[in-house]
């Protein structure tokens, strides 16, 4: 007991009190929870790519023979390949173990204890999580009712302690893009503006071309979504060159394992195939959006990601989430004040879309029977 109390006193109080990030559950846990075989689970809760990675990745990982050798700490080949992909020089690029690692690296580089980070909820949960881990203070500036950035409120929230503004574009979970004019307006504040473009391949919008001109703009990307490499944890950032030297100095020397490097290089050599799966997911996203609108008890928001956020009438989002789960269909339910009546559904293969729509129609007929469409949608505001 005495030893445990002693160790407790050594833990940083802010971390001891911090809440944990709530991740999605792995497939085997979902299968166990629903008592349904893994092969029958429809997993649409993590914005993962159901088509998986390029077959070239699988072959290259099987044939690779140097797993016993440390990876290149300078990421030379990978940075060159990423530079060709984004159209900038490799001096602007660093790869990370997912963009999550890069979020942490940026904050560790820039924050002193108590420095402020502006967060625009609802958005990706890693921004406030990593801010807390890095001893920063989160300043939340909520988005508008349509999930647009409130630029005026962001500017009013800036203090002498503000160091970083995080913007997801397309935003997760709402799917809308931050207009370039808004990004430029915030860059004028002289703070580090981090634009997280994890879903940019689905939107065909980016501000990466501004990085060489703006020494306070950081753009983050990932291969988790469009390239189907979520399990290998590989992302990258496009940074002002001045920041790259500092970030290379503080990152773990071998932060990208050789399997992830091989997979990323093979993916970047098979763009035609991977872009075809991106197009397929965009088609399903748009088809699902139109179908969800017709159900009456859901209000889907237009999305440029590979997912759709839906507001559920009568505050029954959790009930819809649970009813889908009982059928072996897993979507994301966030809870909380901003998203308590919403679910997010990832775009999937056509047969997965069909299964989700059938299930939702059944749930609507059961849970919302007798309500007119106007009643269903208006009750959420009462």
Protein backbone atom coordinates (compact mmCIF):
# COMPACT_ATOMS: atom_id res chain seq x y z
CA UNK A 1 0.00 0.00 0.00
CA UNK A 2 2.79 2.41 0.94
CA UNK A 3 4.58 1.81 -2.36
CA UNK A 4 1.42 2.39 -4.37
CA UNK A 5 0.72 5.68 -2.59
CA UNK A 6 4.29 6.79 -3.26
CA UNK A 7 3.98 6.06 -6.98
CA UNK A 8 0.62 7.85 -7.12
CA UNK A 9 2.32 11.02 -5.86
CA UNK A 10 4.78 10.89 -8.76
CA UNK A 11 2.10 10.86 -11.45
CA UNK A 12 1.36 14.22 -13.09
CA UNK A 13 -1.95 15.37 -11.54
CA UNK A 14 -3.31 16.59 -14.87
CA UNK A 15 -2.81 13.16 -16.43
CA UNK A 16 -4.21 11.32 -13.43
CA UNK A 17 -7.42 13.34 -13.79
CA UNK A 18 -7.57 13.26 -17.59
CA UNK A 19 -10.16 11.23 -19.44
CA UNK A 20 -9.02 8.54 -21.82
CA UNK A 21 -9.57 8.72 -25.57
CA UNK A 22 -12.45 6.45 -26.52
CA UNK A 23 -11.31 4.32 -29.46
CA UNK A 24 -13.39 2.07 -31.65
CA UNK A 25 -13.41 -1.62 -30.79
CA UNK A 26 -11.59 -4.29 -32.84
CA UNK A 27 -13.52 -6.72 -34.97
CA UNK A 28 -13.16 -9.68 -32.61
CA UNK A 29 -14.62 -7.69 -29.72
CA UNK A 30 -17.55 -6.52 -31.85
CA UNK A 31 -18.17 -10.13 -32.87
CA UNK A 32 -18.17 -11.26 -29.27
CA UNK A 33 -20.43 -8.42 -28.18
CA UNK A 34 -23.03 -9.14 -30.85
CA UNK A 35 -22.63 -12.94 -30.66
CA UNK A 36 -22.23 -12.94 -34.43
CA UNK A 37 -19.32 -14.47 -36.40
CA UNK A 38 -16.69 -12.00 -37.53
CA UNK A 39 -17.42 -12.84 -41.16
CA UNK A 40 -20.99 -11.57 -40.72
CA UNK A 41 -20.14 -8.31 -38.97
CA UNK A 42 -20.64 -5.08 -40.92
CA UNK A 43 -18.09 -2.71 -39.43
CA UNK A 44 -18.84 0.90 -40.37
CA UNK A 45 -17.74 2.66 -37.18
CA UNK A 46 -14.10 3.57 -37.89
CA UNK A 47 -14.06 5.15 -41.37
CA UNK A 48 -11.85 2.28 -42.47
CA UNK A 49 -11.53 1.23 -46.09
CA UNK A 50 -13.51 -2.03 -46.54
CA UNK A 51 -11.66 -2.76 -49.79
CA UNK A 52 -8.41 -3.06 -47.86
CA UNK A 53 -4.93 -2.27 -49.06
CA UNK A 54 -3.40 -2.76 -52.48
CA UNK A 55 -2.60 -6.41 -53.31
CA UNK A 56 0.90 -5.17 -54.01
CA UNK A 57 1.23 -4.32 -50.33
CA UNK A 58 0.35 -7.85 -49.29
CA UNK A 59 2.87 -9.36 -51.69
CA UNK A 60 5.62 -6.94 -50.70
CA UNK A 61 5.13 -7.60 -46.99
CA UNK A 62 5.26 -11.33 -47.60
CA UNK A 63 8.44 -11.08 -49.67
CA UNK A 64 10.31 -8.58 -47.48
CA UNK A 65 13.39 -10.17 -45.90
CA UNK A 66 14.92 -7.45 -43.71
CA UNK A 67 12.53 -7.34 -40.78
CA UNK A 68 15.53 -7.90 -38.50
CA UNK A 69 17.13 -4.60 -39.61
CA UNK A 70 16.16 -1.22 -38.16
CA UNK A 71 14.24 1.09 -40.51
CA UNK A 72 15.78 4.24 -41.97
CA UNK A 73 15.41 6.90 -39.25
CA UNK A 74 15.52 9.63 -41.91
CA UNK A 75 12.67 7.99 -43.89
CA UNK A 76 14.48 8.93 -47.09
CA UNK A 77 12.73 6.77 -49.68
CA UNK A 78 9.34 7.28 -48.08
CA UNK A 79 9.68 11.05 -47.87
CA UNK A 80 10.72 11.22 -51.52
CA UNK A 81 7.72 9.13 -52.58
CA UNK A 82 5.36 11.24 -50.48
CA UNK A 83 6.89 14.40 -51.90
CA UNK A 84 6.12 13.22 -55.41
CA UNK A 85 2.55 12.40 -54.35
CA UNK A 86 1.84 15.81 -52.81
CA UNK A 87 3.87 17.85 -55.29
CA UNK A 88 6.32 19.43 -52.84
CA UNK A 89 9.93 18.74 -51.92
CA UNK A 90 10.83 16.06 -49.37
CA UNK A 91 12.27 18.78 -47.10
CA UNK A 92 8.68 19.64 -46.16
CA UNK A 93 7.64 16.10 -45.17
CA UNK A 94 7.90 13.83 -42.14
CA UNK A 95 6.13 10.50 -41.70
CA UNK A 96 4.63 9.32 -38.45
CA UNK A 97 2.95 6.33 -36.87
CA UNK A 98 -0.39 7.60 -38.12
CA UNK A 99 -1.19 11.29 -38.07
CA UNK A 100 -1.90 10.76 -34.35
CA UNK A 101 1.84 10.65 -33.67
CA UNK A 102 2.36 13.84 -35.63
CA UNK A 103 -0.34 15.64 -33.62
CA UNK A 104 1.55 14.66 -30.48
CA UNK A 105 4.92 15.69 -31.94
CA UNK A 106 3.66 19.12 -32.99
CA UNK A 107 2.24 19.78 -29.54
CA UNK A 108 5.34 18.53 -27.75
CA UNK A 109 7.42 20.88 -29.89
CA UNK A 110 5.26 23.98 -29.44
CA UNK A 111 3.60 23.83 -26.02
CA UNK A 112 4.85 24.95 -22.64
CA UNK A 113 2.70 23.80 -19.69
CA UNK A 114 -0.47 25.88 -19.67
CA UNK A 115 -0.25 27.03 -23.28
CA UNK A 116 -3.55 27.03 -25.10
CA UNK A 117 -4.78 25.04 -28.08
CA UNK A 118 -7.97 26.04 -29.87
CA UNK A 119 -10.22 23.12 -30.67
CA UNK A 120 -13.41 23.36 -32.75
CA UNK A 121 -15.85 20.66 -31.63
CA UNK A 122 -17.42 18.49 -32.66
CA UNK A 123 -14.23 17.26 -34.26
CA UNK A 124 -11.49 14.64 -34.01
CA UNK A 125 -10.94 13.65 -30.39
CA UNK A 126 -7.16 13.35 -30.59
CA UNK A 127 -6.66 17.13 -30.55
CA UNK A 128 -7.86 17.68 -26.96
CA UNK A 129 -6.49 14.30 -25.86
CA UNK A 130 -2.94 15.06 -27.04
CA UNK A 131 -3.14 18.63 -25.74
CA UNK A 132 -3.81 17.31 -22.25
CA UNK A 133 -1.00 14.76 -22.47
CA UNK A 134 1.37 17.57 -23.49
CA UNK A 135 0.32 19.74 -20.52
CA UNK A 136 -1.59 22.22 -22.66
CA UNK A 137 -5.01 23.75 -22.06
CA UNK A 138 -7.86 23.13 -24.49
CA UNK A 139 -9.97 26.12 -25.50
CA UNK A 140 -13.12 24.87 -27.19
CA UNK A 141 -14.75 27.09 -29.81
CA UNK A 142 -17.83 25.16 -30.95
CA UNK A 143 -18.80 24.99 -34.59
CA UNK A 144 -22.05 26.45 -35.82
CA UNK A 145 -25.31 24.51 -36.07
CA UNK A 146 -24.24 23.42 -39.56
CA UNK A 147 -20.75 22.48 -38.29
CA UNK A 148 -19.01 25.38 -40.00
CA UNK A 149 -16.07 27.08 -38.30
CA UNK A 150 -16.97 30.15 -36.26
CA UNK A 151 -14.04 32.29 -37.41
CA UNK A 152 -15.07 35.33 -35.39
CA UNK A 153 -15.32 33.30 -32.19
CA UNK A 154 -11.97 31.62 -32.86
CA UNK A 155 -10.27 34.99 -33.20
CA UNK A 156 -11.91 36.26 -30.00
CA UNK A 157 -10.67 33.16 -28.14
CA UNK A 158 -7.01 33.90 -28.89
CA UNK A 159 -4.90 35.01 -25.91
CA UNK A 160 -1.15 35.53 -25.40
CA UNK A 161 -0.98 31.86 -24.34
CA UNK A 162 -2.55 30.51 -27.56
CA UNK A 163 -0.12 28.51 -29.67
CA UNK A 164 -2.08 26.18 -31.97
CA UNK A 165 -5.40 26.00 -33.83
CA UNK A 166 -6.60 22.61 -35.07
CA UNK A 167 -8.88 22.38 -38.11
CA UNK A 168 -10.01 19.07 -39.59
CA UNK A 169 -10.90 19.35 -43.28
CA UNK A 170 -13.03 17.44 -44.11
CA UNK A 171 -14.10 17.57 -40.50
CA UNK A 172 -14.62 14.34 -38.62
CA UNK A 173 -17.45 13.61 -37.85
CA UNK A 174 -19.43 16.20 -39.86
CA UNK A 175 -17.70 15.80 -43.24
CA UNK A 176 -17.56 19.47 -44.25
CA UNK A 177 -14.46 21.18 -45.60
CA UNK A 178 -12.79 24.28 -44.14
CA UNK A 179 -12.81 26.93 -46.88
CA UNK A 180 -9.36 28.12 -47.91
CA UNK A 181 -10.36 31.71 -47.12
CA UNK A 182 -11.00 30.70 -43.50
CA UNK A 183 -7.63 28.99 -43.25
CA UNK A 184 -5.91 32.06 -44.68
CA UNK A 185 -7.78 34.31 -42.26
CA UNK A 186 -6.61 32.26 -39.28
CA UNK A 187 -3.03 32.10 -40.55
CA UNK A 188 -2.92 35.89 -40.25
CA UNK A 189 -3.08 35.48 -36.46
CA UNK A 190 0.52 34.24 -36.47
CA UNK A 191 -0.34 31.00 -34.63
CA UNK A 192 0.38 27.49 -35.76
CA UNK A 193 -2.63 26.40 -37.82
CA UNK A 194 -2.83 22.62 -38.22
CA UNK A 195 -5.13 21.49 -41.03
CA UNK A 196 -5.85 17.79 -40.68
CA UNK A 197 -6.60 16.42 -44.16
CA UNK A 198 -7.06 12.77 -43.20
CA UNK A 199 -9.99 12.49 -45.65
CA UNK A 200 -8.77 14.80 -48.42
CA UNK A 201 -8.64 12.04 -51.05
CA UNK A 202 -12.42 11.78 -50.74
CA UNK A 203 -12.96 15.54 -51.09
CA UNK A 204 -10.30 16.53 -53.64
CA UNK A 205 -9.67 19.71 -51.65
CA UNK A 206 -6.42 20.65 -49.97
CA UNK A 207 -4.40 23.62 -48.76
CA UNK A 208 -1.09 21.80 -49.04
CA UNK A 209 0.07 24.16 -51.79
CA UNK A 210 0.09 27.01 -49.27
CA UNK A 211 2.69 25.42 -47.00
CA UNK A 212 5.81 26.78 -48.78
CA UNK A 213 4.33 30.29 -48.56
CA UNK A 214 3.17 30.16 -44.93
CA UNK A 215 5.63 29.38 -42.15
CA UNK A 216 2.82 28.72 -39.65
CA UNK A 217 0.75 26.25 -41.70
CA UNK A 218 0.94 22.51 -41.02
CA UNK A 219 -1.02 19.94 -43.05
CA UNK A 220 -1.48 16.39 -41.77
CA UNK A 221 -2.37 13.39 -43.90
CA UNK A 222 -2.78 9.63 -43.44
CA UNK A 223 -2.75 6.43 -45.47
CA UNK A 224 -5.22 4.81 -43.07
CA UNK A 225 -8.35 5.72 -45.03
CA UNK A 226 -7.85 5.95 -48.80
CA UNK A 227 -4.96 3.43 -48.92
CA UNK A 228 -6.44 0.94 -46.46
CA UNK A 229 -3.44 0.92 -44.10
CA UNK A 230 -5.16 1.77 -40.81
CA UNK A 231 -3.70 -1.28 -39.08
CA UNK A 232 -0.12 -0.41 -40.03
CA UNK A 233 -0.26 3.14 -38.60
CA UNK A 234 1.29 5.33 -41.25
CA UNK A 235 0.67 9.03 -41.77
CA UNK A 236 2.66 12.08 -42.72
CA UNK A 237 2.77 15.82 -42.36
CA UNK A 238 3.66 18.67 -44.69
CA UNK A 239 5.49 21.28 -42.66
CA UNK A 240 7.33 24.56 -43.10
CA UNK A 241 10.98 23.60 -43.59
CA UNK A 242 12.03 25.33 -40.35
CA UNK A 243 9.84 22.98 -38.34
CA UNK A 244 11.04 19.82 -40.05
CA UNK A 245 14.50 19.93 -38.47
CA UNK A 246 13.05 20.32 -34.98
CA UNK A 247 10.50 17.55 -35.48
CA UNK A 248 13.09 15.15 -36.88
CA UNK A 249 15.17 15.84 -33.79
CA UNK A 250 12.44 15.07 -31.25
CA UNK A 251 10.68 12.14 -32.96
CA UNK A 252 11.55 8.59 -32.00
CA UNK A 253 14.49 7.60 -34.25
CA UNK A 254 12.75 4.54 -35.72
CA UNK A 255 9.17 5.71 -35.44
CA UNK A 256 8.05 4.17 -38.76
CA UNK A 257 8.50 0.41 -38.76
CA UNK A 258 9.74 -1.32 -41.90
CA UNK A 259 6.39 -2.98 -42.62
CA UNK A 260 4.63 0.38 -42.64
CA UNK A 261 7.32 1.90 -44.87
CA UNK A 262 7.08 -0.99 -47.35
CA UNK A 263 3.28 -0.75 -47.37
CA UNK A 264 3.30 3.01 -47.93
CA UNK A 265 5.80 2.81 -50.79
CA UNK A 266 3.82 0.06 -52.53
CA UNK A 267 0.58 2.01 -52.07
CA UNK A 268 2.09 5.10 -53.65
CA UNK A 269 3.11 2.92 -56.60
CA UNK A 270 -0.42 1.63 -57.11
CA UNK A 271 -2.39 4.86 -57.21
CA UNK A 272 -4.71 3.91 -60.07
CA UNK A 273 -6.12 0.98 -58.14
CA UNK A 274 -6.43 2.81 -54.86
CA UNK A 275 -8.08 5.80 -56.48
CA UNK A 276 -10.65 3.47 -57.99
CA UNK A 277 -11.61 2.26 -54.50
CA UNK A 278 -11.84 5.88 -53.36
CA UNK A 279 -14.26 6.58 -56.21
CA UNK A 280 -16.29 3.50 -55.26
CA UNK A 281 -16.59 4.71 -51.67
CA UNK A 282 -17.62 8.19 -52.79
CA UNK A 283 -20.35 6.63 -54.94
CA UNK A 284 -21.61 4.65 -51.95
CA UNK A 285 -21.40 7.68 -49.67
CA UNK A 286 -23.54 9.71 -52.03
CA UNK A 287 -26.00 6.87 -52.62
CA UNK A 288 -26.35 6.32 -48.89
CA UNK A 289 -26.88 10.05 -48.29
CA UNK A 290 -29.87 10.18 -50.67
CA UNK A 291 -31.35 7.00 -49.24
CA UNK A 292 -30.97 8.16 -45.63
CA UNK A 293 -32.84 11.38 -46.41
CA UNK A 294 -35.83 9.37 -47.56
CA UNK A 295 -36.17 7.45 -44.28
CA UNK A 296 -37.72 10.42 -42.52
CA UNK A 297 -36.34 9.88 -39.01
CA UNK A 298 -32.75 10.70 -40.01
CA UNK A 299 -31.20 14.00 -41.04
CA UNK A 300 -27.93 13.22 -42.85
CA UNK A 301 -25.42 16.00 -43.28
CA UNK A 302 -23.63 16.45 -46.63
CA UNK A 303 -20.15 14.97 -46.37
CA UNK A 304 -16.92 15.12 -48.30
CA UNK A 305 -15.33 12.36 -46.22
CA UNK A 306 -15.93 8.62 -46.43
CA UNK A 307 -18.70 8.79 -43.84
CA UNK A 308 -22.02 10.49 -43.12
CA UNK A 309 -23.15 12.05 -39.86
CA UNK A 310 -26.88 11.64 -39.20
CA UNK A 311 -29.05 13.35 -36.64
CA UNK A 312 -31.74 11.01 -35.32
CA UNK A 313 -35.15 12.40 -34.49
CA UNK A 314 -36.68 12.21 -31.01
CA UNK A 315 -33.25 11.86 -29.40
CA UNK A 316 -33.12 8.15 -30.22
CA UNK A 317 -29.60 7.96 -31.65
CA UNK A 318 -28.38 5.60 -28.96
CA UNK A 319 -31.38 3.35 -29.47
CA UNK A 320 -30.76 3.24 -33.23
CA UNK A 321 -27.09 2.49 -32.59
CA UNK A 322 -27.99 -0.40 -30.29
CA UNK A 323 -30.62 -1.76 -32.69
CA UNK A 324 -28.07 -1.82 -35.50
CA UNK A 325 -25.56 -3.48 -33.22
CA UNK A 326 -28.02 -6.27 -32.46
CA UNK A 327 -28.11 -6.93 -36.21
CA UNK A 328 -24.32 -7.07 -36.43
CA UNK A 329 -23.99 -3.58 -37.92
CA UNK A 330 -21.64 -1.27 -36.08
CA UNK A 331 -21.73 2.50 -36.59
CA UNK A 332 -20.30 5.24 -34.37
CA UNK A 333 -22.30 6.76 -31.55
CA UNK A 334 -20.50 9.56 -29.73
CA UNK A 335 -22.91 10.76 -27.07
CA UNK A 336 -22.33 14.03 -25.28
CA UNK A 337 -23.96 17.43 -25.63
CA UNK A 338 -22.99 18.17 -29.24
CA UNK A 339 -23.55 14.75 -30.78
CA UNK A 340 -25.86 12.97 -28.39
CA UNK A 341 -28.58 12.58 -31.01
CA UNK A 342 -26.23 11.65 -33.88
CA UNK A 343 -24.67 8.56 -35.38
CA UNK A 344 -21.88 8.43 -37.95
CA UNK A 345 -21.93 5.77 -40.66
CA UNK A 346 -18.83 4.97 -42.70
CA UNK A 347 -19.18 4.41 -46.43
CA UNK A 348 -18.83 0.74 -47.31
CA UNK A 349 -19.25 -1.67 -50.16
CA UNK A 350 -22.61 -1.70 -52.01
CA UNK A 351 -23.82 -4.78 -50.17
CA UNK A 352 -22.97 -3.15 -46.83
CA UNK A 353 -24.88 -0.02 -47.78
CA UNK A 354 -27.86 -2.17 -48.73
CA UNK A 355 -27.74 -4.02 -45.40
CA UNK A 356 -27.56 -0.77 -43.42
CA UNK A 357 -30.49 0.75 -45.29
CA UNK A 358 -32.63 -2.38 -44.82
CA UNK A 359 -31.86 -2.43 -41.12
CA UNK A 360 -32.58 1.27 -40.69
CA UNK A 361 -35.91 0.91 -42.48
CA UNK A 362 -36.86 -1.91 -40.09
CA UNK A 363 -35.78 0.18 -37.09
CA UNK A 364 -37.70 3.19 -38.40
CA UNK A 365 -40.85 1.14 -38.85
CA UNK A 366 -40.54 -0.08 -35.24
CA UNK A 367 -39.22 2.92 -33.32
CA UNK A 368 -40.83 5.75 -35.28
CA UNK A 369 -44.12 4.20 -36.38
CA UNK A 370 -46.97 6.67 -36.49
CA UNK A 371 -44.80 9.76 -36.80
CA UNK A 372 -45.00 11.87 -39.90
CA UNK A 373 -41.72 12.87 -41.48
CA UNK A 374 -42.12 16.45 -40.23
CA UNK A 375 -42.90 15.25 -36.72
CA UNK A 376 -39.89 12.97 -36.71
CA UNK A 377 -37.45 15.68 -37.66
CA UNK A 378 -39.00 18.46 -35.60
CA UNK A 379 -39.04 16.51 -32.32
CA UNK A 380 -35.27 16.64 -32.12
CA UNK A 381 -35.51 20.39 -31.46
CA UNK A 382 -38.11 20.19 -28.70
